[in-house]
All heavy atoms as atom14 arrays in JSON, in Angstrom:
{
  "sequence": "KHLIQDLAEDLLGTFRAAPLVDPYAVYQSLMD",
  "atom14_mask": [
    [1, 1, 1, 1, 1, 1, 1, 1, 1, 0, 0, 0, 0, 0],
    [1, 1, 1, 1, 1, 1, 1, 1, 1, 1, 0, 0, 0, 0],
    [1, 1, 1, 1, 1, 1, 1, 1, 0, 0, 0, 0, 0, 0],
    [1, 1, 1, 1, 1, 1, 1, 1, 0, 0, 0, 0, 0, 0],
    [1, 1, 1, 1, 1, 1, 1, 1, 1, 0, 0, 0, 0, 0],
    [1, 1, 1, 1, 1, 1, 1, 1, 0, 0, 0, 0, 0, 0],
    [1, 1, 1, 1, 1, 1, 1, 1, 0, 0, 0, 0, 0, 0],
    [1, 1, 1, 1, 1, 0, 0, 0, 0, 0, 0, 0, 0, 0],
    [1, 1, 1, 1, 1, 1, 1, 1, 1, 0, 0, 0, 0, 0],
    [1, 1, 1, 1, 1, 1, 1, 1, 0, 0, 0, 0, 0, 0],
    [1, 1, 1, 1, 1, 1, 1, 1, 0, 0, 0, 0, 0, 0],
    [1, 1, 1, 1, 1, 1, 1, 1, 0, 0, 0, 0, 0, 0],
    [1, 1, 1, 1, 0, 0, 0, 0, 0, 0, 0, 0, 0, 0],
    [1, 1, 1, 1, 1, 1, 1, 0, 0, 0, 0, 0, 0, 0],
    [1, 1, 1, 1, 1, 1, 1, 1, 1, 1, 1, 0, 0, 0],
    [1, 1, 1, 1, 1, 1, 1, 1, 1, 1, 1, 0, 0, 0],
    [1, 1, 1, 1, 1, 0, 0, 0, 0, 0, 0, 0, 0, 0],
    [1, 1, 1, 1, 1, 0, 0, 0, 0, 0, 0, 0, 0, 0],
    [1, 1, 1, 1, 1, 1, 1, 0, 0, 0, 0, 0, 0, 0],
    [1, 1, 1, 1, 1, 1, 1, 1, 0, 0, 0, 0, 0, 0],
    [1, 1, 1, 1, 1, 1, 1, 0, 0, 0, 0, 0, 0, 0],
    [1, 1, 1, 1, 1, 1, 1, 1, 0, 0, 0, 0, 0, 0],
    [1, 1, 1, 1, 1, 1, 1, 0, 0, 0, 0, 0, 0, 0],
    [1, 1, 1, 1, 1, 1, 1, 1, 1, 1, 1, 1, 0, 0],
    [1, 1, 1, 1, 1, 0, 0, 0, 0, 0, 0, 0, 0, 0],
    [1, 1, 1, 1, 1, 1, 1, 0, 0, 0, 0, 0, 0, 0],
    [1, 1, 1, 1, 1, 1, 1, 1, 1, 1, 1, 1, 0, 0],
    [1, 1, 1, 1, 1, 1, 1, 1, 1, 0, 0, 0, 0, 0],
    [1, 1, 1, 1, 1, 1, 0, 0, 0, 0, 0, 0, 0, 0],
    [1, 1, 1, 1, 1, 1, 1, 1, 0, 0, 0, 0, 0, 0],
    [1, 1, 1, 1, 1, 1, 1, 1, 0, 0, 0, 0, 0, 0],
    [1, 1, 1, 1, 1, 1, 1, 1, 0, 0, 0, 0, 0, 0]
  ],
  "atom14_positions": [
    [[-13.38, 6.57, -5.82], [-12.74, 7.05, -4.63], [-12.76, 5.98, -3.52], [-11.66, 5.77, -2.81], [-13.33, 8.32, -4.06], [-12.7, 8.93, -2.81], [-13.42, 10.15, -2.45], [-12.73, 10.78, -1.15], [-13.37, 12.05, -0.71], [0.0, 0.0, 0.0], [0.0, 0.0, 0.0], [0.0, 0.0, 0.0], [0.0, 0.0, 0.0], [0.0, 0.0, 0.0]],
    [[-13.86, 5.42, -3.28], [-14.01, 4.33, -2.36], [-13.15, 3.12, -2.76], [-12.52, 2.32, -1.9], [-15.47, 3.89, -2.13], [-16.29, 4.91, -1.45], [-17.65, 5.01, -1.61], [-15.91, 5.98, -0.68], [-18.1, 6.07, -0.99], [-17.08, 6.69, -0.4], [0.0, 0.0, 0.0], [0.0, 0.0, 0.0], [0.0, 0.0, 0.0], [0.0, 0.0, 0.0]],
    [[-13.16, 2.8, -4.02], [-12.34, 1.69, -4.52], [-10.84, 1.9, -4.22], [-10.25, 0.88, -3.68], [-12.56, 1.54, -6.06], [-11.64, 0.5, -6.74], [-11.99, -0.89, -6.25], [-11.74, 0.6, -8.32], [0.0, 0.0, 0.0], [0.0, 0.0, 0.0], [0.0, 0.0, 0.0], [0.0, 0.0, 0.0], [0.0, 0.0, 0.0], [0.0, 0.0, 0.0]],
    [[-10.31, 3.01, -4.5], [-8.84, 3.27, -4.33], [-8.52, 3.24, -2.87], [-7.42, 2.74, -2.35], [-8.28, 4.53, -5.01], [-6.83, 4.56, -4.9], [-8.97, 5.7, -4.38], [-6.07, 3.48, -5.56], [0.0, 0.0, 0.0], [0.0, 0.0, 0.0], [0.0, 0.0, 0.0], [0.0, 0.0, 0.0], [0.0, 0.0, 0.0], [0.0, 0.0, 0.0]],
    [[-9.45, 3.67, -2.01], [-9.13, 3.7, -0.58], [-9.02, 2.27, -0.12], [-8.17, 1.93, 0.72], [-10.32, 4.38, 0.17], [-10.28, 5.9, 0.02], [-11.51, 6.53, 0.69], [-12.49, 5.93, 1.02], [-11.37, 7.88, 0.86], [0.0, 0.0, 0.0], [0.0, 0.0, 0.0], [0.0, 0.0, 0.0], [0.0, 0.0, 0.0], [0.0, 0.0, 0.0]],
    [[-9.98, 1.37, -0.54], [-9.87, -0.1, -0.17], [-8.6, -0.72, -0.63], [-7.99, -1.44, 0.08], [-11.16, -0.81, -0.71], [-12.4, -0.43, 0.03], [-12.35, 0.21, 1.14], [-13.48, -0.74, -0.49], [0.0, 0.0, 0.0], [0.0, 0.0, 0.0], [0.0, 0.0, 0.0], [0.0, 0.0, 0.0], [0.0, 0.0, 0.0], [0.0, 0.0, 0.0]],
    [[-8.32, -0.44, -2.01], [-7.13, -1.08, -2.54], [-5.85, -0.69, -1.87], [-5.04, -1.4, -1.5], [-7.04, -0.77, -3.94], [-8.14, -1.26, -4.97], [-7.95, -0.68, -6.35], [-8.28, -2.78, -4.91], [0.0, 0.0, 0.0], [0.0, 0.0, 0.0], [0.0, 0.0, 0.0], [0.0, 0.0, 0.0], [0.0, 0.0, 0.0], [0.0, 0.0, 0.0]],
    [[-5.75, 0.68, -1.62], [-4.53, 1.29, -1.08], [-4.31, 0.82, 0.4], [-3.16, 0.48, 0.78], [-4.56, 2.75, -1.22], [0.0, 0.0, 0.0], [0.0, 0.0, 0.0], [0.0, 0.0, 0.0], [0.0, 0.0, 0.0], [0.0, 0.0, 0.0], [0.0, 0.0, 0.0], [0.0, 0.0, 0.0], [0.0, 0.0, 0.0], [0.0, 0.0, 0.0]],
    [[-5.4, 0.84, 1.15], [-5.19, 0.44, 2.64], [-4.78, -1.02, 2.71], [-3.96, -1.37, 3.58], [-6.55, 0.71, 3.34], [-6.8, 2.19, 3.47], [-5.73, 2.98, 4.29], [-5.18, 2.37, 5.32], [-5.37, 4.06, 3.93], [0.0, 0.0, 0.0], [0.0, 0.0, 0.0], [0.0, 0.0, 0.0], [0.0, 0.0, 0.0], [0.0, 0.0, 0.0]],
    [[-5.37, -1.9, 1.87], [-5.06, -3.29, 1.95], [-3.6, -3.52, 1.45], [-2.95, -4.37, 2.02], [-6.06, -4.07, 0.99], [-5.97, -5.59, 1.28], [-5.45, -6.03, 2.33], [-6.41, -6.32, 0.43], [0.0, 0.0, 0.0], [0.0, 0.0, 0.0], [0.0, 0.0, 0.0], [0.0, 0.0, 0.0], [0.0, 0.0, 0.0], [0.0, 0.0, 0.0]],
    [[-3.21, -2.76, 0.4], [-1.83, -2.93, -0.01], [-0.81, -2.44, 1.09], [0.13, -3.2, 1.29], [-1.61, -2.08, -1.28], [-0.29, -2.13, -2.0], [-0.13, -3.52, -2.65], [-0.11, -1.08, -3.08], [0.0, 0.0, 0.0], [0.0, 0.0, 0.0], [0.0, 0.0, 0.0], [0.0, 0.0, 0.0], [0.0, 0.0, 0.0], [0.0, 0.0, 0.0]],
    [[-1.07, -1.38, 1.72], [-0.29, -0.89, 2.76], [-0.25, -1.92, 3.86], [0.86, -2.24, 4.39], [-0.76, 0.46, 3.31], [0.12, 1.06, 4.45], [1.49, 1.26, 4.07], [-0.65, 2.42, 4.87], [0.0, 0.0, 0.0], [0.0, 0.0, 0.0], [0.0, 0.0, 0.0], [0.0, 0.0, 0.0], [0.0, 0.0, 0.0], [0.0, 0.0, 0.0]],
    [[-1.33, -2.48, 4.28], [-1.37, -3.47, 5.32], [-0.73, -4.71, 4.96], [0.02, -5.29, 5.84], [0.0, 0.0, 0.0], [0.0, 0.0, 0.0], [0.0, 0.0, 0.0], [0.0, 0.0, 0.0], [0.0, 0.0, 0.0], [0.0, 0.0, 0.0], [0.0, 0.0, 0.0], [0.0, 0.0, 0.0], [0.0, 0.0, 0.0], [0.0, 0.0, 0.0]],
    [[-0.77, -5.07, 3.68], [-0.19, -6.38, 3.24], [1.35, -6.22, 3.27], [2.02, -7.09, 3.84], [-0.56, -6.61, 1.8], [-2.01, -6.81, 1.81], [0.13, -7.91, 1.28], [0.0, 0.0, 0.0], [0.0, 0.0, 0.0], [0.0, 0.0, 0.0], [0.0, 0.0, 0.0], [0.0, 0.0, 0.0], [0.0, 0.0, 0.0], [0.0, 0.0, 0.0]],
    [[1.89, -5.12, 2.89], [3.33, -4.99, 2.82], [4.01, -4.44, 4.07], [5.22, -4.24, 4.08], [3.68, -4.08, 1.59], [3.72, -4.8, 0.33], [2.54, -4.95, -0.43], [4.87, -5.46, -0.16], [2.53, -5.63, -1.57], [4.82, -6.08, -1.33], [3.68, -6.3, -2.09], [0.0, 0.0, 0.0], [0.0, 0.0, 0.0], [0.0, 0.0, 0.0]],
    [[3.19, -4.36, 5.06], [3.84, -4.07, 6.4], [4.57, -5.33, 6.85], [5.62, -5.33, 7.69], [2.83, -3.71, 7.45], [2.19, -2.32, 7.29], [1.27, -2.04, 8.47], [0.5, -0.85, 8.23], [0.9, 0.47, 8.34], [2.11, 0.65, 8.73], [0.03, 1.41, 8.08], [0.0, 0.0, 0.0], [0.0, 0.0, 0.0], [0.0, 0.0, 0.0]],
    [[4.2, -6.47, 6.3], [4.97, -7.72, 6.66], [6.14, -7.94, 5.69], [6.86, -9.0, 5.82], [3.92, -8.88, 6.52], [0.0, 0.0, 0.0], [0.0, 0.0, 0.0], [0.0, 0.0, 0.0], [0.0, 0.0, 0.0], [0.0, 0.0, 0.0], [0.0, 0.0, 0.0], [0.0, 0.0, 0.0], [0.0, 0.0, 0.0], [0.0, 0.0, 0.0]],
    [[6.36, -7.12, 4.67], [7.43, -7.34, 3.82], [8.76, -6.96, 4.33], [8.89, -5.83, 4.93], [7.1, -6.63, 2.5], [0.0, 0.0, 0.0], [0.0, 0.0, 0.0], [0.0, 0.0, 0.0], [0.0, 0.0, 0.0], [0.0, 0.0, 0.0], [0.0, 0.0, 0.0], [0.0, 0.0, 0.0], [0.0, 0.0, 0.0], [0.0, 0.0, 0.0]],
    [[9.77, -7.77, 4.31], [11.14, -7.46, 4.8], [11.82, -6.45, 3.81], [11.62, -6.54, 2.57], [11.85, -8.78, 4.78], [11.2, -9.64, 3.79], [9.78, -9.2, 3.76], [0.0, 0.0, 0.0], [0.0, 0.0, 0.0], [0.0, 0.0, 0.0], [0.0, 0.0, 0.0], [0.0, 0.0, 0.0], [0.0, 0.0, 0.0], [0.0, 0.0, 0.0]],
    [[12.56, -5.5, 4.36], [13.35, -4.51, 3.69], [12.64, -3.54, 2.73], [13.16, -2.49, 2.44], [14.39, -5.34, 2.73], [15.34, -6.21, 3.54], [16.29, -6.94, 2.5], [16.2, -5.5, 4.55], [0.0, 0.0, 0.0], [0.0, 0.0, 0.0], [0.0, 0.0, 0.0], [0.0, 0.0, 0.0], [0.0, 0.0, 0.0], [0.0, 0.0, 0.0]],
    [[11.4, -3.89, 2.36], [10.67, -2.92, 1.45], [9.84, -2.02, 2.3], [9.13, -2.48, 3.27], [9.72, -3.8, 0.57], [8.8, -2.89, -0.2], [10.55, -4.63, -0.4], [0.0, 0.0, 0.0], [0.0, 0.0, 0.0], [0.0, 0.0, 0.0], [0.0, 0.0, 0.0], [0.0, 0.0, 0.0], [0.0, 0.0, 0.0], [0.0, 0.0, 0.0]],
    [[9.89, -0.77, 2.04], [9.1, 0.25, 2.7], [7.62, 0.16, 2.26], [7.35, 0.47, 1.09], [9.66, 1.64, 2.42], [8.97, 2.77, 3.15], [7.96, 2.5, 3.86], [9.26, 3.89, 2.89], [0.0, 0.0, 0.0], [0.0, 0.0, 0.0], [0.0, 0.0, 0.0], [0.0, 0.0, 0.0], [0.0, 0.0, 0.0], [0.0, 0.0, 0.0]],
    [[6.76, -0.24, 3.2], [5.36, -0.43, 2.79], [4.72, 0.94, 2.29], [3.86, 0.87, 1.39], [4.68, -0.84, 4.07], [5.6, -0.49, 5.14], [6.89, -0.53, 4.58], [0.0, 0.0, 0.0], [0.0, 0.0, 0.0], [0.0, 0.0, 0.0], [0.0, 0.0, 0.0], [0.0, 0.0, 0.0], [0.0, 0.0, 0.0], [0.0, 0.0, 0.0]],
    [[5.23, 2.05, 2.87], [4.64, 3.35, 2.36], [5.08, 3.64, 0.98], [4.41, 4.35, 0.28], [5.03, 4.44, 3.39], [4.41, 4.31, 4.76], [4.93, 3.74, 5.82], [3.07, 4.81, 4.86], [4.38, 3.65, 7.03], [2.46, 4.73, 6.1], [3.09, 4.09, 7.17], [2.43, 3.94, 8.4], [0.0, 0.0, 0.0], [0.0, 0.0, 0.0]],
    [[6.31, 3.19, 0.61], [6.74, 3.48, -0.81], [5.91, 2.64, -1.75], [5.56, 3.04, -2.91], [8.24, 3.04, -0.91], [0.0, 0.0, 0.0], [0.0, 0.0, 0.0], [0.0, 0.0, 0.0], [0.0, 0.0, 0.0], [0.0, 0.0, 0.0], [0.0, 0.0, 0.0], [0.0, 0.0, 0.0], [0.0, 0.0, 0.0], [0.0, 0.0, 0.0]],
    [[5.6, 1.41, -1.43], [4.6, 0.53, -2.16], [3.31, 1.24, -2.31], [2.7, 1.24, -3.44], [4.53, -0.85, -1.61], [3.57, -1.7, -2.49], [5.85, -1.49, -1.58], [0.0, 0.0, 0.0], [0.0, 0.0, 0.0], [0.0, 0.0, 0.0], [0.0, 0.0, 0.0], [0.0, 0.0, 0.0], [0.0, 0.0, 0.0], [0.0, 0.0, 0.0]],
    [[2.85, 1.71, -1.22], [1.51, 2.4, -1.21], [1.59, 3.63, -2.13], [0.65, 3.89, -2.89], [1.27, 2.85, 0.29], [0.1, 3.85, 0.46], [-1.2, 3.48, 0.59], [0.43, 5.21, 0.56], [-2.23, 4.37, 0.79], [-0.66, 6.17, 0.76], [-1.93, 5.67, 0.9], [-2.85, 6.59, 1.06], [0.0, 0.0, 0.0], [0.0, 0.0, 0.0]],
    [[2.73, 4.35, -2.09], [2.86, 5.56, -2.96], [2.83, 5.19, -4.37], [2.34, 5.98, -5.27], [4.16, 6.34, -2.54], [4.27, 7.66, -3.3], [3.22, 8.59, -2.92], [2.86, 8.8, -1.78], [2.74, 9.31, -3.85], [0.0, 0.0, 0.0], [0.0, 0.0, 0.0], [0.0, 0.0, 0.0], [0.0, 0.0, 0.0], [0.0, 0.0, 0.0]],
    [[3.46, 3.96, -4.78], [3.48, 3.56, -6.12], [2.07, 3.42, -6.65], [1.77, 3.76, -7.79], [4.3, 2.34, -6.28], [3.63, 1.25, -5.65], [0.0, 0.0, 0.0], [0.0, 0.0, 0.0], [0.0, 0.0, 0.0], [0.0, 0.0, 0.0], [0.0, 0.0, 0.0], [0.0, 0.0, 0.0], [0.0, 0.0, 0.0], [0.0, 0.0, 0.0]],
    [[1.18, 2.8, -5.82], [-0.25, 2.7, -6.24], [-0.9, 4.03, -6.46], [-1.55, 4.31, -7.37], [-0.98, 1.83, -5.25], [-2.54, 1.77, -5.4], [-2.84, 1.25, -6.8], [-3.17, 0.89, -4.34], [0.0, 0.0, 0.0], [0.0, 0.0, 0.0], [0.0, 0.0, 0.0], [0.0, 0.0, 0.0], [0.0, 0.0, 0.0], [0.0, 0.0, 0.0]],
    [[-0.7, 4.9, -5.45], [-1.33, 6.27, -5.52], [-0.79, 7.07, -6.7], [-1.53, 7.75, -7.23], [-1.05, 7.06, -4.21], [-1.62, 6.3, -2.96], [-3.33, 5.84, -3.14], [-4.23, 7.48, -3.21], [0.0, 0.0, 0.0], [0.0, 0.0, 0.0], [0.0, 0.0, 0.0], [0.0, 0.0, 0.0], [0.0, 0.0, 0.0], [0.0, 0.0, 0.0]],
    [[0.52, 7.0, -7.0], [1.07, 7.69, -8.15], [0.44, 7.17, -9.42], [-0.09, 7.97, -10.36], [2.55, 7.58, -8.19], [3.21, 8.33, -7.15], [2.62, 9.21, -6.66], [4.47, 8.05, -6.93], [0.0, 0.0, 0.0], [0.0, 0.0, 0.0], [0.0, 0.0, 0.0], [0.0, 0.0, 0.0], [0.0, 0.0, 0.0], [0.0, 0.0, 0.0]]
  ]
}
């Protein structure tokens, strides 16, 4: 549980800088 929290939060934070791509959609792909 702690592992996925760290991975997911970092992924979301990383892709906030991505153009055109919804960072929350990328986050959801990991959670799915």
